[in-house]
Amino acid sequence: MGTTLFAVFLAVSAAGAEGDVPAQVTFGFDSVEVPRGDFAISNYMTDVYGSAVSTDGARTVNGSGGLTDVFIATSLQLFQRGDFIIDFEETPITGAQFEGHVLDATQAEDFSFRAFAGDTQVFLFTRNTGEETFDSGWLEFPEPVDRVIISDSGRRDVGIDDFTVQPAPDPATGMLLLAGLAFVSARRRGRV
């Protein structure tokens, strides 16, 4: 029994030694100054996440709490597109939750959160209740995604705050854990 537990411990320890990914990561954005654009936001998200994250089309905005409540939103839509992109360049995510914002919300302005695995959209969350601030609840994706696009089909700027993501486990971690469990199973059957 002691050898069995040691084998599982070794498998899990070896899997985690290569670069632990936390169970969940939350981006609060409050430490990013206002106004700031993609470069500053991407650097902040990369630092918090521990692997490369980039944004395209995002800016920081002061929330209702003023300077202490900062979130990211679309660039002003007067001359820009009505979306922004977040790319998880090295470690994809399997789920997310956020506080959504629709700036100057009017009746049923659409908010959408689309998740992509490569070029294929695998998940869509929409909100069109006219609420200015809402909680998405936990969103579980059918497969790991490396890109999310937040957009508004109307002419309102939209944003997110308190963006919590679940990093996908490293495939090597899963393989080592499976190898450890296979060893335990073989040992129990008396083959090792």
N, C-alpha and C. Protein backbone atom coordinates (compact mmCIF):
# COMPACT_ATOMS: atom_id res chain seq x y z
N MET A 1 0.82 -1.19 0.00
CA MET A 1 0.00 0.00 0.00
C MET A 1 0.87 1.25 0.00
N GLY A 2 1.94 1.25 0.80
CA GLY A 2 2.84 2.40 0.85
C GLY A 2 3.49 2.67 -0.49
N THR A 3 3.90 1.61 -1.20
CA THR A 3 4.50 1.77 -2.51
C THR A 3 3.49 2.33 -3.50
N THR A 4 2.25 1.88 -3.39
CA THR A 4 1.19 2.35 -4.28
C THR A 4 0.97 3.84 -4.11
N LEU A 5 0.82 4.28 -2.88
CA LEU A 5 0.62 5.71 -2.63
C LEU A 5 1.82 6.53 -3.09
N PHE A 6 3.02 5.97 -2.89
CA PHE A 6 4.23 6.66 -3.32
C PHE A 6 4.24 6.83 -4.84
N ALA A 7 3.80 5.81 -5.58
CA ALA A 7 3.77 5.88 -7.05
C ALA A 7 2.80 6.96 -7.52
N VAL A 8 1.62 7.03 -6.91
CA VAL A 8 0.65 8.06 -7.28
C VAL A 8 1.22 9.43 -6.92
N PHE A 9 1.83 9.56 -5.74
CA PHE A 9 2.43 10.82 -5.33
C PHE A 9 3.51 11.26 -6.32
N LEU A 10 4.36 10.32 -6.76
CA LEU A 10 5.40 10.65 -7.73
C LEU A 10 4.79 11.13 -9.04
N ALA A 11 3.75 10.48 -9.50
CA ALA A 11 3.11 10.86 -10.76
C ALA A 11 2.52 12.26 -10.66
N VAL A 12 1.82 12.54 -9.59
CA VAL A 12 1.21 13.86 -9.41
C VAL A 12 2.29 14.91 -9.21
N SER A 13 3.33 14.60 -8.42
CA SER A 13 4.40 15.57 -8.18
C SER A 13 5.16 15.88 -9.45
N ALA A 14 5.48 14.86 -10.23
CA ALA A 14 6.20 15.08 -11.48
C ALA A 14 5.35 15.89 -12.45
N ALA A 15 4.05 15.65 -12.46
CA ALA A 15 3.16 16.40 -13.35
C ALA A 15 3.13 17.86 -12.97
N GLY A 16 3.10 18.15 -11.69
CA GLY A 16 3.02 19.52 -11.24
C GLY A 16 4.34 20.25 -11.28
N ALA A 17 5.44 19.54 -11.35
CA ALA A 17 6.76 20.17 -11.28
C ALA A 17 7.07 21.01 -12.51
N GLU A 18 6.46 20.70 -13.65
CA GLU A 18 6.81 21.37 -14.89
C GLU A 18 6.24 22.77 -14.99
N GLY A 19 5.33 23.17 -14.16
CA GLY A 19 4.73 24.50 -14.23
C GLY A 19 3.29 24.41 -13.80
N ASP A 20 3.08 24.58 -12.52
CA ASP A 20 1.73 24.46 -11.98
C ASP A 20 0.83 25.55 -12.55
N VAL A 21 -0.35 25.16 -12.96
CA VAL A 21 -1.38 26.10 -13.38
C VAL A 21 -2.41 26.10 -12.27
N PRO A 22 -2.71 27.27 -11.70
CA PRO A 22 -3.68 27.31 -10.61
C PRO A 22 -5.06 26.84 -11.07
N ALA A 23 -5.87 26.43 -10.12
CA ALA A 23 -7.20 25.93 -10.43
C ALA A 23 -8.04 26.99 -11.13
N GLN A 24 -8.01 28.22 -10.67
CA GLN A 24 -8.72 29.32 -11.31
C GLN A 24 -7.89 30.58 -11.18
N VAL A 25 -8.05 31.47 -12.14
CA VAL A 25 -7.33 32.74 -12.14
C VAL A 25 -8.36 33.84 -12.36
N THR A 26 -8.27 34.91 -11.54
CA THR A 26 -9.20 36.03 -11.68
C THR A 26 -8.45 37.29 -12.08
N PHE A 27 -8.96 37.94 -13.11
CA PHE A 27 -8.43 39.22 -13.57
C PHE A 27 -9.38 40.31 -13.05
N GLY A 28 -8.88 41.15 -12.13
CA GLY A 28 -9.71 42.21 -11.57
C GLY A 28 -9.55 43.54 -12.28
N PHE A 29 -8.42 43.74 -12.97
CA PHE A 29 -8.10 44.91 -13.77
C PHE A 29 -7.91 46.20 -12.97
N ASP A 30 -8.13 46.18 -11.64
CA ASP A 30 -8.04 47.41 -10.86
C ASP A 30 -6.63 48.00 -10.81
N SER A 31 -5.61 47.18 -11.04
CA SER A 31 -4.24 47.70 -11.00
C SER A 31 -3.79 48.27 -12.35
N VAL A 32 -4.63 48.16 -13.38
CA VAL A 32 -4.30 48.73 -14.69
C VAL A 32 -4.83 50.16 -14.71
N GLU A 33 -3.98 51.09 -15.05
CA GLU A 33 -4.39 52.49 -15.03
C GLU A 33 -5.42 52.79 -16.11
N VAL A 34 -6.12 53.91 -15.94
CA VAL A 34 -7.10 54.37 -16.92
C VAL A 34 -6.60 55.71 -17.46
N PRO A 35 -6.64 56.00 -18.73
CA PRO A 35 -7.00 55.06 -19.78
C PRO A 35 -5.77 54.27 -20.24
N ARG A 36 -5.96 53.03 -20.54
CA ARG A 36 -4.91 52.18 -21.09
C ARG A 36 -5.54 51.29 -22.16
N GLY A 37 -4.68 50.81 -23.08
CA GLY A 37 -5.15 49.98 -24.18
C GLY A 37 -4.59 48.58 -24.12
N ASP A 38 -4.58 47.95 -25.28
CA ASP A 38 -4.23 46.53 -25.39
C ASP A 38 -2.87 46.17 -24.81
N PHE A 39 -1.85 46.98 -25.03
CA PHE A 39 -0.51 46.63 -24.56
C PHE A 39 -0.48 46.48 -23.04
N ALA A 40 -1.02 47.47 -22.33
CA ALA A 40 -1.02 47.43 -20.86
C ALA A 40 -1.92 46.31 -20.34
N ILE A 41 -3.07 46.12 -20.96
CA ILE A 41 -4.00 45.07 -20.53
C ILE A 41 -3.38 43.69 -20.77
N SER A 42 -2.77 43.50 -21.93
CA SER A 42 -2.13 42.21 -22.24
C SER A 42 -1.01 41.90 -21.26
N ASN A 43 -0.19 42.90 -20.93
CA ASN A 43 0.89 42.68 -19.97
C ASN A 43 0.34 42.30 -18.60
N TYR A 44 -0.68 43.02 -18.15
CA TYR A 44 -1.30 42.71 -16.86
C TYR A 44 -1.85 41.27 -16.85
N MET A 45 -2.61 40.91 -17.89
CA MET A 45 -3.21 39.57 -17.93
C MET A 45 -2.16 38.47 -18.00
N THR A 46 -1.09 38.70 -18.76
CA THR A 46 0.00 37.72 -18.85
C THR A 46 0.65 37.53 -17.48
N ASP A 47 0.91 38.63 -16.78
CA ASP A 47 1.52 38.54 -15.44
C ASP A 47 0.63 37.75 -14.48
N VAL A 48 -0.66 38.03 -14.49
CA VAL A 48 -1.58 37.35 -13.57
C VAL A 48 -1.75 35.88 -13.95
N TYR A 49 -1.86 35.60 -15.24
CA TYR A 49 -2.13 34.24 -15.72
C TYR A 49 -0.90 33.34 -15.67
N GLY A 50 0.27 33.93 -15.85
CA GLY A 50 1.49 33.13 -15.83
C GLY A 50 1.84 32.54 -17.17
N SER A 51 1.08 32.84 -18.20
CA SER A 51 1.42 32.49 -19.57
C SER A 51 0.79 33.54 -20.47
N ALA A 52 1.22 33.57 -21.73
CA ALA A 52 0.88 34.67 -22.63
C ALA A 52 -0.62 34.82 -22.87
N VAL A 53 -1.10 36.05 -22.65
CA VAL A 53 -2.48 36.44 -22.94
C VAL A 53 -2.39 37.77 -23.68
N SER A 54 -3.18 37.93 -24.74
CA SER A 54 -3.18 39.21 -25.44
C SER A 54 -4.61 39.65 -25.71
N THR A 55 -4.78 40.97 -25.80
CA THR A 55 -6.09 41.52 -26.14
C THR A 55 -5.96 42.35 -27.41
N ASP A 56 -7.08 42.50 -28.11
CA ASP A 56 -7.14 43.32 -29.31
C ASP A 56 -8.46 44.06 -29.30
N GLY A 57 -8.40 45.39 -29.27
CA GLY A 57 -9.61 46.21 -29.29
C GLY A 57 -10.14 46.57 -27.93
N ALA A 58 -9.35 46.36 -26.86
CA ALA A 58 -9.83 46.63 -25.49
C ALA A 58 -9.25 47.93 -24.95
N ARG A 59 -9.91 48.49 -23.97
CA ARG A 59 -9.44 49.67 -23.24
C ARG A 59 -9.91 49.54 -21.80
N THR A 60 -9.27 50.25 -20.90
CA THR A 60 -9.71 50.27 -19.51
C THR A 60 -10.71 51.39 -19.31
N VAL A 61 -11.66 51.15 -18.39
CA VAL A 61 -12.73 52.10 -18.11
C VAL A 61 -12.94 52.13 -16.60
N ASN A 62 -13.24 53.30 -16.04
CA ASN A 62 -13.60 53.39 -14.63
C ASN A 62 -15.04 52.94 -14.45
N GLY A 63 -15.24 52.04 -13.47
CA GLY A 63 -16.58 51.59 -13.16
C GLY A 63 -17.28 52.51 -12.19
N SER A 64 -18.37 52.05 -11.63
CA SER A 64 -19.17 52.88 -10.73
C SER A 64 -18.42 53.24 -9.46
N GLY A 65 -17.41 52.44 -9.09
CA GLY A 65 -16.62 52.72 -7.89
C GLY A 65 -15.49 53.70 -8.15
N GLY A 66 -15.44 54.27 -9.36
CA GLY A 66 -14.40 55.24 -9.68
C GLY A 66 -13.06 54.58 -9.94
N LEU A 67 -12.00 55.21 -9.46
CA LEU A 67 -10.65 54.72 -9.75
C LEU A 67 -10.36 53.35 -9.17
N THR A 68 -11.11 52.93 -8.15
CA THR A 68 -10.83 51.64 -7.54
C THR A 68 -11.56 50.50 -8.25
N ASP A 69 -12.45 50.81 -9.19
CA ASP A 69 -13.18 49.78 -9.91
C ASP A 69 -12.96 49.95 -11.40
N VAL A 70 -11.96 49.25 -11.93
CA VAL A 70 -11.60 49.37 -13.33
C VAL A 70 -12.00 48.08 -14.04
N PHE A 71 -12.55 48.19 -15.25
CA PHE A 71 -12.81 47.01 -16.06
C PHE A 71 -12.37 47.27 -17.48
N ILE A 72 -12.38 46.23 -18.31
CA ILE A 72 -11.99 46.41 -19.72
C ILE A 72 -13.25 46.40 -20.57
N ALA A 73 -13.19 47.19 -21.65
CA ALA A 73 -14.36 47.35 -22.51
C ALA A 73 -13.91 47.54 -23.95
N THR A 74 -14.89 47.57 -24.84
CA THR A 74 -14.61 47.85 -26.23
C THR A 74 -14.07 49.27 -26.37
N SER A 75 -13.30 49.49 -27.44
CA SER A 75 -12.88 50.84 -27.74
C SER A 75 -14.13 51.63 -28.12
N LEU A 76 -14.05 52.95 -28.03
CA LEU A 76 -15.21 53.77 -28.38
C LEU A 76 -15.70 53.39 -29.78
N GLN A 77 -16.97 53.07 -29.90
CA GLN A 77 -17.47 52.53 -31.16
C GLN A 77 -17.72 53.56 -32.25
N LEU A 78 -17.55 54.82 -31.94
CA LEU A 78 -17.79 55.84 -32.95
C LEU A 78 -16.95 55.56 -34.20
N PHE A 79 -15.67 55.21 -33.99
CA PHE A 79 -14.78 54.93 -35.11
C PHE A 79 -14.21 53.52 -35.08
N GLN A 80 -14.55 52.73 -34.08
CA GLN A 80 -13.97 51.40 -33.91
C GLN A 80 -15.05 50.32 -34.06
N ARG A 81 -14.59 49.08 -34.16
CA ARG A 81 -15.51 47.96 -34.18
C ARG A 81 -16.13 47.77 -32.80
N GLY A 82 -17.19 47.03 -32.69
CA GLY A 82 -17.89 46.85 -31.42
C GLY A 82 -17.54 45.57 -30.71
N ASP A 83 -16.27 45.18 -30.70
CA ASP A 83 -15.88 43.98 -29.96
C ASP A 83 -14.44 44.10 -29.49
N PHE A 84 -14.06 43.19 -28.60
CA PHE A 84 -12.64 43.03 -28.28
C PHE A 84 -12.37 41.55 -28.11
N ILE A 85 -11.10 41.20 -28.32
CA ILE A 85 -10.67 39.80 -28.35
C ILE A 85 -9.68 39.57 -27.22
N ILE A 86 -9.78 38.41 -26.57
CA ILE A 86 -8.79 37.97 -25.60
C ILE A 86 -8.26 36.61 -26.08
N ASP A 87 -6.95 36.55 -26.34
CA ASP A 87 -6.32 35.30 -26.77
C ASP A 87 -5.49 34.72 -25.64
N PHE A 88 -5.75 33.45 -25.32
CA PHE A 88 -4.94 32.70 -24.37
C PHE A 88 -3.96 31.91 -25.23
N GLU A 89 -2.78 32.48 -25.43
CA GLU A 89 -1.86 32.02 -26.47
C GLU A 89 -1.19 30.69 -26.18
N GLU A 90 -0.95 30.38 -24.91
CA GLU A 90 -0.22 29.14 -24.58
C GLU A 90 -1.05 28.15 -23.79
N THR A 91 -1.87 28.64 -22.87
CA THR A 91 -2.67 27.76 -22.02
C THR A 91 -4.14 28.10 -22.21
N PRO A 92 -4.89 27.24 -22.92
CA PRO A 92 -6.31 27.52 -23.14
C PRO A 92 -7.11 27.41 -21.84
N ILE A 93 -8.37 27.79 -21.90
CA ILE A 93 -9.24 27.75 -20.73
C ILE A 93 -10.42 26.81 -20.99
N THR A 94 -10.97 26.26 -19.91
CA THR A 94 -12.10 25.34 -20.03
C THR A 94 -13.40 25.92 -19.49
N GLY A 95 -13.32 27.05 -18.82
CA GLY A 95 -14.52 27.69 -18.28
C GLY A 95 -14.21 29.11 -17.86
N ALA A 96 -15.27 29.91 -17.63
CA ALA A 96 -15.07 31.31 -17.25
C ALA A 96 -16.31 31.85 -16.56
N GLN A 97 -16.10 32.96 -15.86
CA GLN A 97 -17.18 33.71 -15.23
C GLN A 97 -16.75 35.17 -15.22
N PHE A 98 -17.70 36.09 -15.33
CA PHE A 98 -17.35 37.50 -15.35
C PHE A 98 -18.54 38.35 -14.95
N GLU A 99 -18.22 39.60 -14.62
CA GLU A 99 -19.25 40.61 -14.44
C GLU A 99 -19.33 41.33 -15.77
N GLY A 100 -20.50 41.29 -16.41
CA GLY A 100 -20.67 41.93 -17.71
C GLY A 100 -21.16 43.35 -17.56
N HIS A 101 -20.74 44.20 -18.49
CA HIS A 101 -21.17 45.60 -18.49
C HIS A 101 -21.67 45.98 -19.88
N VAL A 102 -22.78 46.67 -19.92
CA VAL A 102 -23.27 47.30 -21.14
C VAL A 102 -23.36 48.78 -20.80
N LEU A 103 -22.48 49.58 -21.37
CA LEU A 103 -22.44 51.00 -21.03
C LEU A 103 -23.60 51.74 -21.68
N ASP A 104 -24.26 52.59 -20.92
CA ASP A 104 -25.43 53.32 -21.40
C ASP A 104 -26.48 52.39 -21.97
N ALA A 105 -26.78 51.34 -21.22
CA ALA A 105 -27.71 50.32 -21.71
C ALA A 105 -29.08 50.92 -22.00
N THR A 106 -29.66 50.50 -23.08
CA THR A 106 -31.05 50.85 -23.39
C THR A 106 -31.79 49.54 -23.55
N GLN A 107 -33.00 49.60 -24.01
CA GLN A 107 -33.80 48.38 -24.07
C GLN A 107 -33.15 47.31 -24.95
N ALA A 108 -32.87 46.21 -24.30
CA ALA A 108 -32.40 44.98 -24.97
C ALA A 108 -31.19 45.16 -25.87
N GLU A 109 -30.19 45.90 -25.43
CA GLU A 109 -28.94 45.94 -26.18
C GLU A 109 -28.23 44.60 -26.00
N ASP A 110 -27.75 44.02 -27.06
CA ASP A 110 -27.17 42.68 -27.00
C ASP A 110 -25.73 42.70 -26.50
N PHE A 111 -25.42 41.74 -25.65
CA PHE A 111 -24.06 41.47 -25.18
C PHE A 111 -23.78 40.04 -25.57
N SER A 112 -22.62 39.77 -26.18
CA SER A 112 -22.30 38.37 -26.49
C SER A 112 -20.86 38.06 -26.09
N PHE A 113 -20.68 36.82 -25.63
CA PHE A 113 -19.39 36.28 -25.24
C PHE A 113 -19.25 34.99 -26.03
N ARG A 114 -18.35 34.99 -27.01
CA ARG A 114 -18.14 33.82 -27.86
C ARG A 114 -16.78 33.22 -27.55
N ALA A 115 -16.71 31.89 -27.49
CA ALA A 115 -15.46 31.19 -27.20
C ALA A 115 -15.09 30.31 -28.38
N PHE A 116 -13.79 30.31 -28.71
CA PHE A 116 -13.30 29.60 -29.89
C PHE A 116 -12.17 28.64 -29.55
N ALA A 117 -12.19 27.49 -30.19
CA ALA A 117 -11.07 26.54 -30.20
C ALA A 117 -10.49 26.64 -31.60
N GLY A 118 -9.36 27.31 -31.72
CA GLY A 118 -8.83 27.60 -33.05
C GLY A 118 -9.77 28.58 -33.75
N ASP A 119 -10.22 28.22 -34.95
CA ASP A 119 -11.14 29.09 -35.69
C ASP A 119 -12.60 28.69 -35.51
N THR A 120 -12.86 27.68 -34.70
CA THR A 120 -14.22 27.16 -34.54
C THR A 120 -14.87 27.69 -33.27
N GLN A 121 -16.02 28.32 -33.44
CA GLN A 121 -16.76 28.77 -32.26
C GLN A 121 -17.39 27.56 -31.59
N VAL A 122 -17.12 27.39 -30.28
CA VAL A 122 -17.62 26.22 -29.56
C VAL A 122 -18.59 26.60 -28.44
N PHE A 123 -18.73 27.92 -28.18
CA PHE A 123 -19.60 28.34 -27.07
C PHE A 123 -20.10 29.75 -27.34
N LEU A 124 -21.36 30.00 -26.95
CA LEU A 124 -21.94 31.34 -27.09
C LEU A 124 -22.79 31.64 -25.87
N PHE A 125 -22.53 32.78 -25.25
CA PHE A 125 -23.35 33.30 -24.15
C PHE A 125 -23.84 34.67 -24.59
N THR A 126 -25.15 34.91 -24.50
CA THR A 126 -25.69 36.21 -24.85
C THR A 126 -26.55 36.74 -23.73
N ARG A 127 -26.65 38.05 -23.69
CA ARG A 127 -27.50 38.71 -22.69
C ARG A 127 -28.13 39.91 -23.37
N ASN A 128 -29.45 40.00 -23.35
CA ASN A 128 -30.09 41.14 -23.99
C ASN A 128 -31.28 41.64 -23.16
N THR A 129 -31.04 41.80 -21.87
CA THR A 129 -32.11 42.24 -20.98
C THR A 129 -32.11 43.74 -20.76
N GLY A 130 -31.13 44.45 -21.29
CA GLY A 130 -31.05 45.89 -21.06
C GLY A 130 -30.39 46.26 -19.74
N GLU A 131 -29.93 45.27 -18.97
CA GLU A 131 -29.24 45.56 -17.71
C GLU A 131 -27.85 46.11 -17.99
N GLU A 132 -27.44 47.10 -17.20
CA GLU A 132 -26.11 47.67 -17.39
C GLU A 132 -25.02 46.79 -16.81
N THR A 133 -25.29 46.08 -15.70
CA THR A 133 -24.29 45.21 -15.07
C THR A 133 -24.96 43.89 -14.70
N PHE A 134 -24.29 42.79 -14.96
CA PHE A 134 -24.85 41.48 -14.65
C PHE A 134 -23.73 40.48 -14.39
N ASP A 135 -24.06 39.37 -13.75
CA ASP A 135 -23.11 38.28 -13.49
C ASP A 135 -23.42 37.15 -14.47
N SER A 136 -22.41 36.69 -15.17
CA SER A 136 -22.61 35.63 -16.17
C SER A 136 -22.91 34.28 -15.55
N GLY A 137 -22.51 34.09 -14.28
CA GLY A 137 -22.53 32.74 -13.73
C GLY A 137 -21.39 31.96 -14.35
N TRP A 138 -21.15 30.73 -13.88
CA TRP A 138 -20.04 29.94 -14.40
C TRP A 138 -20.39 29.38 -15.76
N LEU A 139 -19.53 29.58 -16.75
CA LEU A 139 -19.72 29.10 -18.12
C LEU A 139 -18.70 27.99 -18.38
N GLU A 140 -19.19 26.79 -18.64
CA GLU A 140 -18.33 25.62 -18.88
C GLU A 140 -18.30 25.36 -20.39
N PHE A 141 -17.10 25.31 -20.98
CA PHE A 141 -16.98 25.11 -22.42
C PHE A 141 -16.91 23.62 -22.76
N PRO A 142 -17.41 23.21 -23.92
CA PRO A 142 -17.38 21.79 -24.29
C PRO A 142 -15.97 21.28 -24.60
N GLU A 143 -15.04 22.18 -24.85
CA GLU A 143 -13.64 21.83 -25.07
C GLU A 143 -12.79 23.05 -24.73
N PRO A 144 -11.48 22.87 -24.50
CA PRO A 144 -10.64 24.03 -24.19
C PRO A 144 -10.67 25.07 -25.31
N VAL A 145 -10.69 26.34 -24.92
CA VAL A 145 -10.73 27.42 -25.90
C VAL A 145 -9.52 28.32 -25.73
N ASP A 146 -9.06 28.90 -26.83
CA ASP A 146 -7.90 29.78 -26.78
C ASP A 146 -8.24 31.22 -27.15
N ARG A 147 -9.50 31.50 -27.49
CA ARG A 147 -9.90 32.86 -27.84
C ARG A 147 -11.33 33.10 -27.39
N VAL A 148 -11.54 34.29 -26.82
CA VAL A 148 -12.91 34.74 -26.54
C VAL A 148 -13.09 36.11 -27.18
N ILE A 149 -14.30 36.35 -27.66
CA ILE A 149 -14.64 37.63 -28.26
C ILE A 149 -15.87 38.16 -27.54
N ILE A 150 -15.75 39.37 -27.01
CA ILE A 150 -16.85 40.02 -26.32
C ILE A 150 -17.35 41.12 -27.25
N SER A 151 -18.65 41.13 -27.55
CA SER A 151 -19.16 42.12 -28.50
C SER A 151 -20.60 42.50 -28.20
N ASP A 152 -21.06 43.50 -28.91
CA ASP A 152 -22.40 44.03 -28.78
C ASP A 152 -22.94 44.25 -30.19
N SER A 153 -24.07 43.67 -30.49
CA SER A 153 -24.61 43.84 -31.83
C SER A 153 -25.30 45.18 -32.00
N GLY A 154 -25.52 45.89 -30.89
CA GLY A 154 -26.08 47.24 -30.98
C GLY A 154 -24.94 48.25 -31.09
N ARG A 155 -25.17 49.47 -30.66
CA ARG A 155 -24.14 50.49 -30.73
C ARG A 155 -23.72 50.93 -29.34
N ARG A 156 -23.67 50.00 -28.40
CA ARG A 156 -23.24 50.31 -27.04
C ARG A 156 -21.89 49.66 -26.79
N ASP A 157 -21.08 50.32 -26.00
CA ASP A 157 -19.83 49.70 -25.59
C ASP A 157 -20.12 48.66 -24.51
N VAL A 158 -19.42 47.55 -24.58
CA VAL A 158 -19.59 46.49 -23.60
C VAL A 158 -18.25 46.16 -22.97
N GLY A 159 -18.28 45.57 -21.76
CA GLY A 159 -17.04 45.23 -21.09
C GLY A 159 -17.23 44.12 -20.08
N ILE A 160 -16.11 43.70 -19.48
CA ILE A 160 -16.13 42.67 -18.44
C ILE A 160 -15.20 43.07 -17.30
N ASP A 161 -15.50 42.55 -16.13
CA ASP A 161 -14.68 42.75 -14.95
C ASP A 161 -14.71 41.46 -14.15
N ASP A 162 -13.80 41.35 -13.18
CA ASP A 162 -13.73 40.16 -12.34
C ASP A 162 -13.84 38.91 -13.20
N PHE A 163 -12.99 38.85 -14.21
CA PHE A 163 -12.98 37.77 -15.20
C PHE A 163 -12.20 36.59 -14.63
N THR A 164 -12.91 35.54 -14.27
CA THR A 164 -12.31 34.34 -13.70
C THR A 164 -12.28 33.25 -14.75
N VAL A 165 -11.13 32.61 -14.94
CA VAL A 165 -11.00 31.54 -15.93
C VAL A 165 -10.45 30.28 -15.28
N GLN A 166 -10.76 29.17 -15.88
CA GLN A 166 -10.25 27.85 -15.47
C GLN A 166 -9.26 27.39 -16.52
N PRO A 167 -7.94 27.44 -16.25
CA PRO A 167 -6.97 26.98 -17.23
C PRO A 167 -7.13 25.49 -17.51
N ALA A 168 -6.91 25.11 -18.76
CA ALA A 168 -6.94 23.70 -19.13
C ALA A 168 -5.73 23.01 -18.53
N PRO A 169 -5.88 21.80 -18.04
CA PRO A 169 -4.71 21.10 -17.50
C PRO A 169 -3.72 20.78 -18.61
N ASP A 170 -2.46 20.76 -18.24
CA ASP A 170 -1.40 20.42 -19.18
C ASP A 170 -1.56 18.95 -19.57
N PRO A 171 -1.58 18.63 -20.87
CA PRO A 171 -1.74 17.22 -21.29
C PRO A 171 -0.69 16.30 -20.66
N ALA A 172 0.52 16.79 -20.44
CA ALA A 172 1.56 15.96 -19.82
C ALA A 172 1.18 15.60 -18.39
N THR A 173 0.51 16.52 -17.69
CA THR A 173 0.07 16.25 -16.33
C THR A 173 -0.91 15.08 -16.32
N GLY A 174 -1.88 15.12 -17.23
CA GLY A 174 -2.85 14.04 -17.31
C GLY A 174 -2.21 12.71 -17.65
N MET A 175 -1.24 12.72 -18.55
CA MET A 175 -0.58 11.48 -18.94
C MET A 175 0.20 10.88 -17.78
N LEU A 176 0.90 11.73 -17.03
CA LEU A 176 1.66 11.23 -15.88
C LEU A 176 0.72 10.67 -14.80
N LEU A 177 -0.39 11.36 -14.59
CA LEU A 177 -1.36 10.87 -13.61
C LEU A 177 -1.93 9.53 -14.05
N LEU A 178 -2.27 9.41 -15.33
CA LEU A 178 -2.78 8.12 -15.84
C LEU A 178 -1.74 7.01 -15.71
N ALA A 179 -0.48 7.36 -15.96
CA ALA A 179 0.58 6.35 -15.82
C ALA A 179 0.68 5.89 -14.37
N GLY A 180 0.58 6.83 -13.43
CA GLY A 180 0.63 6.49 -12.00
C GLY A 180 -0.55 5.59 -11.61
N LEU A 181 -1.72 5.93 -12.12
CA LEU A 181 -2.91 5.12 -11.81
C LEU A 181 -2.81 3.73 -12.45
N ALA A 182 -2.25 3.64 -13.65
CA ALA A 182 -2.06 2.34 -14.30
C ALA A 182 -1.10 1.48 -13.48
N PHE A 183 -0.05 2.10 -12.95
CA PHE A 183 0.90 1.38 -12.11
C PHE A 183 0.20 0.83 -10.87
N VAL A 184 -0.63 1.66 -10.25
CA VAL A 184 -1.36 1.24 -9.05
C VAL A 184 -2.27 0.07 -9.38
N SER A 185 -2.98 0.18 -10.52
CA SER A 185 -3.90 -0.89 -10.91
C SER A 185 -3.14 -2.20 -11.18
N ALA A 186 -2.00 -2.10 -11.88
CA ALA A 186 -1.20 -3.29 -12.17
C ALA A 186 -0.64 -3.89 -10.88
N ARG A 187 -0.24 -3.05 -9.96
CA ARG A 187 0.29 -3.52 -8.69
C ARG A 187 -0.76 -4.30 -7.91
N ARG A 188 -1.98 -3.76 -7.93
CA ARG A 188 -3.07 -4.43 -7.19
C ARG A 188 -3.38 -5.81 -7.79
N ARG A 189 -3.17 -5.92 -9.10
CA ARG A 189 -3.44 -7.21 -9.73
C ARG A 189 -2.22 -8.12 -9.63
N GLY A 190 -1.15 -7.64 -8.99
CA GLY A 190 0.03 -8.47 -8.76
C GLY A 190 0.96 -8.56 -9.93
N ARG A 191 0.87 -7.61 -10.89
CA ARG A 191 1.74 -7.69 -12.08
C ARG A 191 3.03 -6.89 -11.93
N VAL A 192 3.16 -6.10 -10.88
CA VAL A 192 4.38 -5.31 -10.72
C VAL A 192 5.04 -5.67 -9.42
